[in-house]
Each structure stands twice: as C-alpha cells, then as structure tokens.
C-alpha cells in the first residue's frame, strides 16, 4: 500500500471539504430565498419538507457508505473487477428504492404529517414541496452509490465537480424560480428536482471507468451469493444505524415545532450551521474511509492507525476553526438567512449551541469514517443503539425543564455518546487489518 502522508490526506479531503460545504450552503440558500418572503411559514415548510425527504432517503444512505468501504477494500486488495461490480449492485438497489418511494409517497407523507405537529399553513406548503421533490428519489439515492465509488478510489475531484454542478444549478434555479418567477416553495422543489436528475447523468459519466470493461454487466459476479451476502450484512447494519440517526434528527425538528412557528424557523436557520459543520468535517472522515478501507484490504494494520490519526488531526483542526467562525460570524449569517425580526432574535438566543457543536461532534464524525472504511458496521450499529437510548433519556430529562435549550443540549449529548461508544471499539479496526478473515 502506498505511504499515507498528510499531503495524501489533503489531496483526498480537500475536494471533499469543498464539495460537501456546498451542500449545506444550498440549504442555507433555500432558507434564505424563502426567507426573503418575510414570513416564518415558508421557512418552516421547506425545513420540514427537506427533513422528511432526508429521513426517507438516508434510510438508504448505506449505499454511499457501504459502497465506499467495500470498494476501498477491493481497491486496496487489487481486485479491480470487483470495484465495478460493487458499483453496479449499488446502482440497481438505488434505482429500485427510488421507484418504491414514488409509489408509496401518499402513505409516507401521511405518516410524516401525522407525527409532525406543524401549523396548517406550514403543512400545506410542505405537502406541495414534497409532491414535487419525491420524483427525484431514484436519482438522489443512486447518487449515493456514485459518490461512494469515487471516494473509495480517491477520485475526490470528481465528487467536487459533481457537487458544484448539482448545487450551483440548484442555487441558480432557486433564485430564478422563487425571486424571479414568484413560484415560492414550489420553485425551490422544482429547482432541486432538475438538479438531481442532471447530476446523476454527470455522475455516471464521472464513473465511466467502472463501465469501460465487462464488470458492470458481469451478472454472474454481480449476483454472486457470497458477495451479495457480504453487501447485505454491511449495508443492513449501516441502514439501521442511519435510520436511528435520522430518526433522532427528525425527532429534534418535530419536537422543536411544539414551541411554535418562530422557534421552528429559528431552529431551521441554525440547522444550516450544523449542516455546514457536518459536511465540512466529513471531508476528513471520507478520507479516513478511503485510506482505512484500503489499508484493511491490503492487510496493513499500522497503516490503519496512521490513516486514523492523520485524518483525525485535520478533523480536530477544522472543528476548532468552524467553532470560532460561528462565534464571530453567526449573528451576521442569521440576519442574512432570515428577515423576520422574531426569527432573528430566536436564532441568536440558541446560537451558543452551534458554536459548541463542531468540537463536541468531531469524534463521532471521524470515527464514522474509520469504521466505514474498516466495514465495522456491526460496531457502528451497536454504538448508535446505545447513543440513541442516552439521547432519549436526555430528552425526557431536559426538554420539560429547559424547553428548546434542552432540545439542543440533548442533541449535543447524542453526538458525545456516539463518539465515546465508538472510541471504545476502535482497537478492533487494527485487529481486522491483521486478521486473515474477511473484515465484514
């Protein structure tokens, strides 16, 4: 295996940091564009609608993570044929899942709004948003597989190109449709739908090396029972972990809606800061996925440790920079994203939680990447089960006493618990690289 250096980490992580940073910027633009309407309800509607779809889609987020870990290990082991076959398996799963969500959209949305205690105005706008966005489900889910494949083989510049196209087009169409044509919440949804499908076409072109040979239609290999069984084990664990994580985040949104439309809108504004943090720091976690996965595939235990340490050093540095940035620029960014004075005041009140979030969450984000690369998915799943249990206890204890402050505190408890529970299992990653058995 090639030597792991800080320069190599940055070559992988740099484009990912930039590309991932554009994703929450898109959310901030969505919020900021509808915020120009001067009302709280459209902001809350776009926020709830986006969270519902994110919750549904990220039940299949295992396609990015599982594809990344499996392809990185195959790449590290020198099995080029399997890297193409893994991508094809993931694309087939993604397309089928997206079609299923389109068919089941009515009961899915009915269940979501039965849980969400939003006002009638917010719910009406959110339903309109969702009825448009759902048609992008196959493209969005398939893009997880495309991104995971590119990360695993260190083609992160391709990921940057893909994200710049998708989010740049989305932002331009947002401004045109909402501010130019006056389409409101529906304009935000249409812009995203167009960006999703055009991005899938670009992503498949970026992965054209996987389709250059026969691997992508080698059906005997693609449907090999042993390989499918391993994929199912890895992805099943990640899927459960993702459902638990997104369920916890969705509960945060819905519980915040109990405090009224203004608090819901303020939380939605601050969530954009949290998304910026997660996506920016995940750049280093994705570097850990690629490098740790390749080290496990190459049976290089010391390289696993080196990859984990080097990527985490950069992650911690990034977390500190983000915290300082939010401390200094937070009030200005809040004013840019929301024009309603009551939403601005409420968001400033809860800003300190956002300042603390990067430092509190960095361990969980980095260990996610390390565990995905090592395909320690069972350990991830079990750590999440314990962490969610602690989160529920924190909600029960803090919410009645501290209100929305208690809600934010419970979310910080969740991220802390994730970091601690996974750190206790990290030594197994090095043992897997030294073992003869499959790490799955």
Protein backbone atom coordinates (compact mmCIF):
# COMPACT_ATOMS: atom_id res chain seq x y z
CA UNK A 1 0.00 0.00 0.00
CA UNK A 2 1.24 3.49 -0.84
CA UNK A 3 2.53 5.56 2.05
CA UNK A 4 -0.04 7.63 3.90
CA UNK A 5 1.09 11.22 4.29
CA UNK A 6 -0.53 14.50 5.24
CA UNK A 7 -0.28 15.56 1.59
CA UNK A 8 -2.21 12.46 0.51
CA UNK A 9 -4.86 13.07 3.16
CA UNK A 10 -5.33 16.62 1.93
CA UNK A 11 -5.48 15.55 -1.71
CA UNK A 12 -8.40 13.30 -0.80
CA UNK A 13 -10.05 15.52 1.79
CA UNK A 14 -9.60 18.91 0.12
CA UNK A 15 -12.06 18.43 -2.74
CA UNK A 16 -14.46 16.65 -0.38
CA UNK A 17 -14.39 19.52 2.11
CA UNK A 18 -15.18 21.96 -0.68
CA UNK A 19 -17.86 19.80 -2.29
CA UNK A 20 -19.56 18.90 0.97
CA UNK A 21 -19.56 22.52 2.07
CA UNK A 22 -21.73 23.36 -0.94
CA UNK A 23 -24.50 21.01 0.24
CA UNK A 24 -25.48 22.90 3.42
CA UNK A 25 -24.85 26.16 1.57
CA UNK A 26 -27.65 25.02 -0.72
CA UNK A 27 -29.86 24.50 2.32
CA UNK A 28 -28.93 27.95 3.53
CA UNK A 29 -29.83 29.43 0.14
CA UNK A 30 -33.15 27.57 0.15
CA UNK A 31 -33.86 29.01 3.59
CA UNK A 32 -32.56 32.44 2.65
CA UNK A 33 -34.55 32.66 -0.60
CA UNK A 34 -37.88 31.77 1.02
CA UNK A 35 -36.86 33.92 3.97
CA UNK A 36 -36.98 36.94 1.67
CA UNK A 37 -40.76 36.48 1.58
CA UNK A 38 -40.76 37.88 5.12
CA UNK A 39 -42.85 35.10 6.69
CA UNK A 40 -41.98 32.24 9.04
CA UNK A 41 -44.29 29.62 7.47
CA UNK A 42 -42.42 29.14 4.14
CA UNK A 43 -39.12 28.71 6.01
CA UNK A 44 -40.65 26.08 8.26
CA UNK A 45 -42.31 24.32 5.31
CA UNK A 46 -39.09 23.96 3.33
CA UNK A 47 -37.32 22.85 6.51
CA UNK A 48 -39.84 20.17 7.43
CA UNK A 49 -40.18 19.00 3.82
CA UNK A 50 -36.42 18.67 3.41
CA UNK A 51 -36.11 16.82 6.71
CA UNK A 52 -38.84 14.35 5.76
CA UNK A 53 -37.12 13.54 2.47
CA UNK A 54 -33.69 13.40 4.09
CA UNK A 55 -35.07 10.94 6.64
CA UNK A 56 -36.55 8.76 3.88
CA UNK A 57 -33.52 8.90 1.60
CA UNK A 58 -30.91 8.39 4.28
CA UNK A 59 -32.52 5.14 5.24
CA UNK A 60 -30.63 4.18 2.05
CA UNK A 61 -27.56 6.25 2.89
CA UNK A 62 -25.81 2.91 3.32
CA UNK A 63 -25.31 2.95 -0.46
CA UNK A 64 -22.72 5.70 -0.14
CA UNK A 65 -21.09 4.41 3.00
CA UNK A 66 -21.26 0.72 2.19
CA UNK A 67 -20.07 1.28 -1.38
CA UNK A 68 -17.18 3.39 -0.13
CA UNK A 69 -15.98 0.82 2.40
CA UNK A 70 -16.37 -2.22 0.14
CA UNK A 71 -14.82 -0.56 -2.93
CA UNK A 72 -11.90 0.82 -0.89
CA UNK A 73 -11.10 -2.64 0.44
CA UNK A 74 -11.38 -4.21 -3.02
CA UNK A 75 -9.16 -1.43 -4.38
CA UNK A 76 -6.60 -1.97 -1.61
CA UNK A 77 -6.60 -5.70 -2.34
CA UNK A 78 -6.01 -5.03 -6.06
CA UNK A 79 -9.37 -6.50 -7.18
CA UNK A 80 -10.33 -4.07 -9.95
CA UNK A 81 -13.12 -6.23 -11.35
CA UNK A 82 -14.95 -6.22 -8.04
CA UNK A 83 -14.88 -2.42 -7.76
CA UNK A 84 -17.01 -2.15 -10.92
CA UNK A 85 -19.36 -4.93 -9.84
CA UNK A 86 -19.95 -3.29 -6.46
CA UNK A 87 -20.97 -0.03 -8.14
CA UNK A 88 -23.47 -1.82 -10.38
CA UNK A 89 -25.04 -3.64 -7.43
CA UNK A 90 -25.45 -0.36 -5.60
CA UNK A 91 -26.98 1.42 -8.60
CA UNK A 92 -29.56 -1.34 -9.03
CA UNK A 93 -30.53 -1.05 -5.37
CA UNK A 94 -30.73 2.74 -5.57
CA UNK A 95 -32.96 2.81 -8.63
CA UNK A 96 -35.35 0.23 -7.20
CA UNK A 97 -35.58 2.06 -3.86
CA UNK A 98 -36.35 5.37 -5.54
CA UNK A 99 -39.18 3.88 -7.58
CA UNK A 100 -40.62 2.31 -4.44
CA UNK A 101 -40.70 5.66 -2.67
CA UNK A 102 -42.53 7.26 -5.58
CA UNK A 103 -45.18 4.52 -5.45
CA UNK A 104 -45.56 4.84 -1.66
CA UNK A 105 -45.45 8.64 -1.45
CA UNK A 106 -49.03 9.13 -0.20
CA UNK A 107 -48.82 6.85 2.86
CA UNK A 108 -45.27 8.00 3.59
CA UNK A 109 -46.22 11.67 3.66
CA UNK A 110 -49.42 10.97 5.57
CA UNK A 111 -47.43 9.20 8.27
CA UNK A 112 -44.88 12.03 8.41
CA UNK A 113 -47.52 14.72 8.88
CA UNK A 114 -49.37 12.62 11.44
CA UNK A 115 -46.21 12.86 13.54
CA UNK A 116 -45.30 16.48 12.74
CA UNK A 117 -47.30 18.97 14.86
CA UNK A 118 -46.80 21.92 12.49
CA UNK A 119 -49.40 24.58 11.80
CA UNK A 120 -51.93 24.15 8.98
CA UNK A 121 -50.19 26.75 6.81
CA UNK A 122 -46.78 25.12 7.19
CA UNK A 123 -48.18 21.65 6.47
CA UNK A 124 -49.99 22.79 3.31
CA UNK A 125 -46.85 24.38 1.90
CA UNK A 126 -44.72 21.38 2.87
CA UNK A 127 -47.08 18.95 1.10
CA UNK A 128 -46.77 20.96 -2.09
CA UNK A 129 -42.97 20.89 -1.79
CA UNK A 130 -42.86 17.13 -1.18
CA UNK A 131 -45.20 16.21 -4.04
CA UNK A 132 -42.63 17.65 -6.45
CA UNK A 133 -39.38 16.60 -4.79
CA UNK A 134 -40.31 12.91 -4.48
CA UNK A 135 -39.88 12.39 -8.25
CA UNK A 136 -36.15 12.83 -7.79
CA UNK A 137 -35.88 9.86 -5.42
CA UNK A 138 -34.25 7.37 -7.85
CA UNK A 139 -31.61 9.90 -8.90
CA UNK A 140 -30.85 11.04 -5.36
CA UNK A 141 -30.41 7.54 -3.96
CA UNK A 142 -28.35 6.33 -6.94
CA UNK A 143 -26.04 9.31 -6.46
CA UNK A 144 -25.07 7.93 -3.05
CA UNK A 145 -23.53 4.92 -4.80
CA UNK A 146 -21.74 7.10 -7.36
CA UNK A 147 -20.25 9.31 -4.63
CA UNK A 148 -19.13 6.33 -2.54
CA UNK A 149 -17.35 4.77 -5.51
CA UNK A 150 -15.48 7.97 -6.35
CA UNK A 151 -14.39 8.49 -2.74
CA UNK A 152 -13.16 4.92 -2.35
CA UNK A 153 -10.74 5.12 -5.27
CA UNK A 154 -9.56 8.61 -4.27
CA UNK A 155 -11.20 10.39 -7.22
CA UNK A 156 -12.49 13.14 -4.99
CA UNK A 157 -12.04 15.85 -7.61
CA UNK A 158 -14.86 14.09 -9.43
CA UNK A 159 -17.00 14.42 -6.33
CA UNK A 160 -16.24 18.14 -6.25
CA UNK A 161 -17.24 18.56 -9.90
CA UNK A 162 -20.46 16.65 -9.27
CA UNK A 163 -21.44 18.69 -6.22
CA UNK A 164 -20.56 22.01 -7.81
CA UNK A 165 -22.79 21.19 -10.75
CA UNK A 166 -25.70 19.94 -8.66
CA UNK A 167 -25.67 22.68 -6.06
CA UNK A 168 -24.66 25.51 -8.39
CA UNK A 169 -27.51 24.70 -10.75
CA UNK A 170 -29.88 24.35 -7.81
CA UNK A 171 -28.96 27.74 -6.38
CA UNK A 172 -29.31 29.46 -9.76
CA UNK A 173 -32.71 27.90 -10.36
CA UNK A 174 -33.79 28.70 -6.77
CA UNK A 175 -33.16 32.39 -7.31
CA UNK A 176 -34.80 32.39 -10.74
CA UNK A 177 -37.88 30.37 -9.82
CA UNK A 178 -38.59 31.92 -6.41
CA UNK A 179 -37.42 35.52 -6.64
CA UNK A 180 -37.69 35.94 -10.41
CA UNK A 181 -40.83 33.98 -11.30
CA UNK A 182 -42.51 34.11 -7.89
CA UNK A 183 -43.09 30.34 -7.64
CA UNK A 184 -42.47 30.30 -3.88
CA UNK A 185 -41.97 26.96 -2.13
CA UNK A 186 -42.84 25.05 -5.32
CA UNK A 187 -40.00 26.84 -7.12
CA UNK A 188 -37.48 25.54 -4.55
CA UNK A 189 -38.74 21.99 -5.12
CA UNK A 190 -38.63 22.18 -8.93
CA UNK A 191 -35.10 23.58 -8.85
CA UNK A 192 -33.91 20.67 -6.73
CA UNK A 193 -35.67 18.09 -8.92
CA UNK A 194 -33.94 19.32 -12.08
CA UNK A 195 -30.56 19.42 -10.34
CA UNK A 196 -30.92 15.85 -9.03
CA UNK A 197 -31.54 14.18 -12.41
CA UNK A 198 -28.92 16.13 -14.34
CA UNK A 199 -26.40 15.36 -11.60
CA UNK A 200 -27.00 11.62 -11.87
CA UNK A 201 -26.20 11.79 -15.59
CA UNK A 202 -22.96 13.65 -14.83
CA UNK A 203 -22.08 11.24 -12.01
CA UNK A 204 -22.40 8.18 -14.25
CA UNK A 205 -20.09 9.86 -16.75
CA UNK A 206 -17.53 10.51 -13.98
CA UNK A 207 -17.67 6.80 -13.12
CA UNK A 208 -17.19 5.77 -16.74
CA UNK A 209 -14.05 3.80 -15.85
CA UNK A 210 -16.29 1.33 -13.99
CA UNK A 211 -18.23 0.76 -17.22
CA UNK A 212 -15.21 0.54 -19.54
CA UNK A 213 -14.78 -3.23 -19.12
CA UNK A 214 -17.18 -6.10 -18.65
CA UNK A 215 -17.51 -5.87 -14.88
CA UNK A 216 -20.63 -3.72 -14.96
CA UNK A 217 -22.59 -6.37 -16.84
CA UNK A 218 -20.83 -9.47 -15.50
CA UNK A 219 -24.08 -10.72 -14.00
CA UNK A 220 -22.55 -13.87 -12.53
CA UNK A 221 -20.21 -11.71 -10.45
CA UNK A 222 -22.78 -9.02 -9.69
CA UNK A 223 -25.28 -11.56 -8.35
CA UNK A 224 -22.70 -13.82 -6.69
CA UNK A 225 -24.31 -15.08 -3.48
CA UNK A 226 -21.29 -14.67 -1.23
CA UNK A 227 -20.63 -11.10 -2.40
CA UNK A 228 -24.29 -10.16 -2.12
CA UNK A 229 -24.44 -11.67 1.36
CA UNK A 230 -21.48 -9.55 2.46
CA UNK A 231 -23.03 -6.44 0.92
CA UNK A 232 -26.30 -7.17 2.73
CA UNK A 233 -24.57 -7.63 6.08
CA UNK A 234 -22.61 -4.41 5.75
CA UNK A 235 -25.46 -2.36 4.34
CA UNK A 236 -28.06 -3.77 6.72
CA UNK A 237 -26.08 -2.60 9.73
CA UNK A 238 -25.47 0.82 8.16
CA UNK A 239 -29.14 1.14 7.22
CA UNK A 240 -30.26 0.55 10.80
CA UNK A 241 -27.65 2.99 12.05
CA UNK A 242 -28.81 5.60 9.51
CA UNK A 243 -32.46 5.13 10.41
CA UNK A 244 -31.64 5.66 14.08
CA UNK A 245 -29.54 8.75 13.36
CA UNK A 246 -32.06 10.33 11.03
CA UNK A 247 -34.88 9.41 13.38
CA UNK A 248 -33.09 11.24 16.17
CA UNK A 249 -32.59 14.29 13.97
CA UNK A 250 -36.18 14.21 12.76
CA UNK A 251 -37.38 14.00 16.36
CA UNK A 252 -35.36 17.13 17.05
CA UNK A 253 -37.18 19.00 14.26
CA UNK A 254 -40.62 17.78 15.20
CA UNK A 255 -40.14 18.42 18.92
CA UNK A 256 -38.96 21.93 18.11
CA UNK A 257 -42.22 22.53 16.25
CA UNK A 258 -44.04 22.23 19.59
CA UNK A 259 -42.58 25.62 20.54
CA UNK A 260 -44.31 27.42 17.63
CA UNK A 261 -43.53 28.54 14.09
CA UNK A 262 -40.95 31.13 15.16
CA UNK A 263 -38.85 28.63 17.14
CA UNK A 264 -39.23 26.09 14.34
CA UNK A 265 -37.95 28.66 11.84
CA UNK A 266 -35.08 29.68 14.15
CA UNK A 267 -34.04 26.05 14.59
CA UNK A 268 -34.17 25.59 10.82
CA UNK A 269 -31.82 28.54 10.34
CA UNK A 270 -29.38 27.17 12.92
CA UNK A 271 -29.55 23.69 11.44
CA UNK A 272 -27.90 25.13 8.34
CA UNK A 273 -24.86 25.93 10.54
CA UNK A 274 -24.91 22.37 11.83
CA UNK A 275 -25.09 21.02 8.30
CA UNK A 276 -22.14 23.17 7.27
CA UNK A 277 -20.18 21.69 10.18
CA UNK A 278 -21.08 18.09 9.44
CA UNK A 279 -20.41 18.26 5.73
CA UNK A 280 -17.16 20.19 6.05
CA UNK A 281 -15.71 17.85 8.70
CA UNK A 282 -17.00 14.79 6.88
CA UNK A 283 -14.41 15.62 4.22
CA UNK A 284 -11.74 14.30 6.57
CA UNK A 285 -13.96 11.41 7.60
CA UNK A 286 -14.34 10.44 3.94
CA UNK A 287 -10.55 10.49 3.61
CA UNK A 288 -10.48 8.08 6.55
CA UNK A 289 -12.98 5.82 4.75
CA UNK A 290 -10.77 5.56 1.69
CA UNK A 291 -7.41 5.21 3.44
CA UNK A 292 -8.55 2.93 6.27
CA UNK A 293 -10.50 0.78 3.81
CA UNK A 294 -7.51 0.39 1.52
CA UNK A 295 -5.28 -0.43 4.49
CA UNK A 296 -7.68 -3.14 5.65
CA UNK A 297 -7.88 -4.55 2.12
CA UNK A 298 -4.07 -4.58 1.92
CA UNK A 299 -3.79 -6.17 5.41
CA UNK A 300 -1.67 -3.27 6.70
CA UNK A 301 -2.57 -2.79 10.38
CA UNK A 302 -0.11 0.02 11.06
CA UNK A 303 -1.43 1.91 8.06
CA UNK A 304 -4.90 1.73 9.61
CA UNK A 305 -3.57 3.53 12.69
CA UNK A 306 -1.64 6.05 10.62
CA UNK A 307 -4.68 6.84 8.47
CA UNK A 308 -6.91 7.19 11.54
CA UNK A 309 -4.52 9.51 13.36
CA UNK A 310 -3.66 11.74 10.41
CA UNK A 311 -7.21 12.25 9.22
CA UNK A 312 -8.40 12.92 12.78
CA UNK A 313 -5.72 15.56 13.35
CA UNK A 314 -7.05 17.52 10.41
CA UNK A 315 -10.62 16.96 11.55
CA UNK A 316 -9.97 18.41 15.00
CA UNK A 317 -8.29 21.45 13.47
CA UNK A 318 -11.27 22.01 11.20
CA UNK A 319 -13.68 21.74 14.11
CA UNK A 320 -11.89 24.46 16.06
CA UNK A 321 -11.86 26.78 13.02
CA UNK A 322 -15.59 26.27 12.47
CA UNK A 323 -16.44 26.97 16.11
CA UNK A 324 -14.51 30.22 16.03
CA UNK A 325 -16.13 31.17 12.74
CA UNK A 326 -19.64 30.64 14.08
CA UNK A 327 -18.79 32.65 17.21
CA UNK A 328 -17.69 35.65 15.15
CA UNK A 329 -19.95 35.49 12.09
CA UNK A 330 -23.02 33.71 13.48
CA UNK A 331 -25.23 36.79 14.08
CA UNK A 332 -24.46 38.18 10.61
CA UNK A 333 -25.30 34.87 8.91
CA UNK A 334 -28.56 34.62 10.83
CA UNK A 335 -29.60 38.06 9.60
CA UNK A 336 -28.76 37.09 6.02
CA UNK A 337 -30.86 33.93 6.13
CA UNK A 338 -33.96 35.28 7.87
CA UNK A 339 -35.63 38.67 7.52
CA UNK A 340 -38.34 38.22 10.14
CA UNK A 341 -37.10 40.03 13.31
CA UNK A 342 -38.65 37.48 15.66
CA UNK A 343 -36.85 34.62 13.88
CA UNK A 344 -33.55 36.51 14.04
CA UNK A 345 -33.89 37.08 17.79
CA UNK A 346 -34.79 33.47 18.49
CA UNK A 347 -31.89 32.14 16.40
CA UNK A 348 -29.39 34.35 18.23
CA UNK A 349 -30.67 33.01 21.55
CA UNK A 350 -29.69 29.44 20.64
CA UNK A 351 -26.50 30.27 18.70
CA UNK A 352 -24.11 29.18 21.53
CA UNK A 353 -25.12 25.55 20.93
CA UNK A 354 -23.94 25.87 17.34
CA UNK A 355 -20.63 27.35 18.46
CA UNK A 356 -20.01 24.28 20.64
CA UNK A 357 -21.30 21.69 18.15
CA UNK A 358 -18.16 21.18 15.98
CA UNK A 359 -15.87 20.41 18.91
CA UNK A 360 -18.46 18.18 20.57
CA UNK A 361 -19.21 16.21 17.42
CA UNK A 362 -15.78 15.75 15.82
CA UNK A 363 -15.04 12.38 17.46
CA UNK A 364 -18.28 10.85 16.21
CA UNK A 365 -17.79 12.13 12.66
CA UNK A 366 -14.20 10.88 12.37
CA UNK A 367 -14.92 7.50 13.90
CA UNK A 368 -17.81 7.09 11.47
CA UNK A 369 -15.32 7.34 8.62
CA UNK A 370 -12.84 4.98 10.24
CA UNK A 371 -15.49 2.35 10.96
CA UNK A 372 -16.98 2.58 7.46
CA UNK A 373 -13.56 2.06 5.87
CA UNK A 374 -12.96 -0.96 8.09
CA UNK A 375 -16.57 -2.14 7.44
CA UNK A 376 -17.05 -2.37 11.22
CA UNK A 377 -20.72 -1.83 10.59
CA UNK A 378 -21.98 -4.03 13.40
CA UNK A 379 -19.99 -1.95 15.88
CA UNK A 380 -21.42 1.26 14.36
CA UNK A 381 -24.93 -0.11 14.68
CA UNK A 382 -24.48 -1.14 18.31
CA UNK A 383 -22.85 2.19 19.23
CA UNK A 384 -25.80 4.04 17.70
CA UNK A 385 -28.32 1.92 19.61
CA UNK A 386 -26.66 2.84 22.91
CA UNK A 387 -26.31 6.51 21.91
CA UNK A 388 -29.96 6.87 20.91
CA UNK A 389 -31.03 5.36 24.23
CA UNK A 390 -28.93 8.00 26.00
CA UNK A 391 -30.44 10.69 23.73
CA UNK A 392 -33.97 9.67 24.68
CA UNK A 393 -33.11 9.87 28.36
CA UNK A 394 -31.62 13.33 27.81
CA UNK A 395 -34.77 14.50 26.01
CA UNK A 396 -37.02 13.25 28.78
CA UNK A 397 -34.87 14.92 31.44
CA UNK A 398 -34.04 18.22 29.73
CA UNK A 399 -36.97 19.13 27.49
CA UNK A 400 -39.60 19.77 30.19
CA UNK A 401 -37.21 21.91 32.23
CA UNK A 402 -35.23 23.87 29.64
CA UNK A 403 -37.51 23.89 26.58
CA UNK A 404 -35.73 24.46 23.28
CA UNK A 405 -32.40 24.86 25.10
CA UNK A 406 -32.95 21.38 26.48
CA UNK A 407 -33.64 20.12 22.96
CA UNK A 408 -30.31 21.45 21.71
CA UNK A 409 -28.50 20.08 24.77
CA UNK A 410 -29.92 16.61 24.13
CA UNK A 411 -28.62 16.74 20.55
CA UNK A 412 -25.14 17.52 21.86
CA UNK A 413 -25.45 14.57 24.26
CA UNK A 414 -26.26 12.31 21.30
CA UNK A 415 -23.10 13.29 19.41
CA UNK A 416 -20.93 12.93 22.51
CA UNK A 417 -22.32 9.46 23.21
CA UNK A 418 -21.64 8.37 19.64
CA UNK A 419 -18.00 9.42 19.90
CA UNK A 420 -17.41 7.66 23.22
CA UNK A 421 -19.12 4.39 22.30
CA UNK A 422 -17.24 4.06 19.01
CA UNK A 423 -13.89 5.05 20.51
CA UNK A 424 -14.14 2.10 22.84
CA UNK A 425 -14.35 -0.23 19.83
CA UNK A 426 -11.62 1.38 17.67
CA UNK A 427 -8.84 -1.16 18.51
CA UNK A 428 -10.79 -3.78 16.57
CA UNK A 429 -10.12 -1.87 13.33
CA UNK A 430 -6.39 -2.54 13.63
CA UNK A 431 -7.01 -6.18 14.52
CA UNK A 432 -9.15 -6.62 11.41
CA UNK A 433 -6.32 -5.47 9.15
CA UNK A 434 -4.02 -8.07 10.68
CA UNK A 435 -6.56 -10.89 10.51
CA UNK A 436 -6.93 -13.43 7.73
CA UNK A 437 -10.73 -13.45 7.88
CA UNK A 438 -12.92 -11.04 5.96
CA UNK A 439 -13.44 -7.75 7.85
CA UNK A 440 -17.15 -7.80 7.03
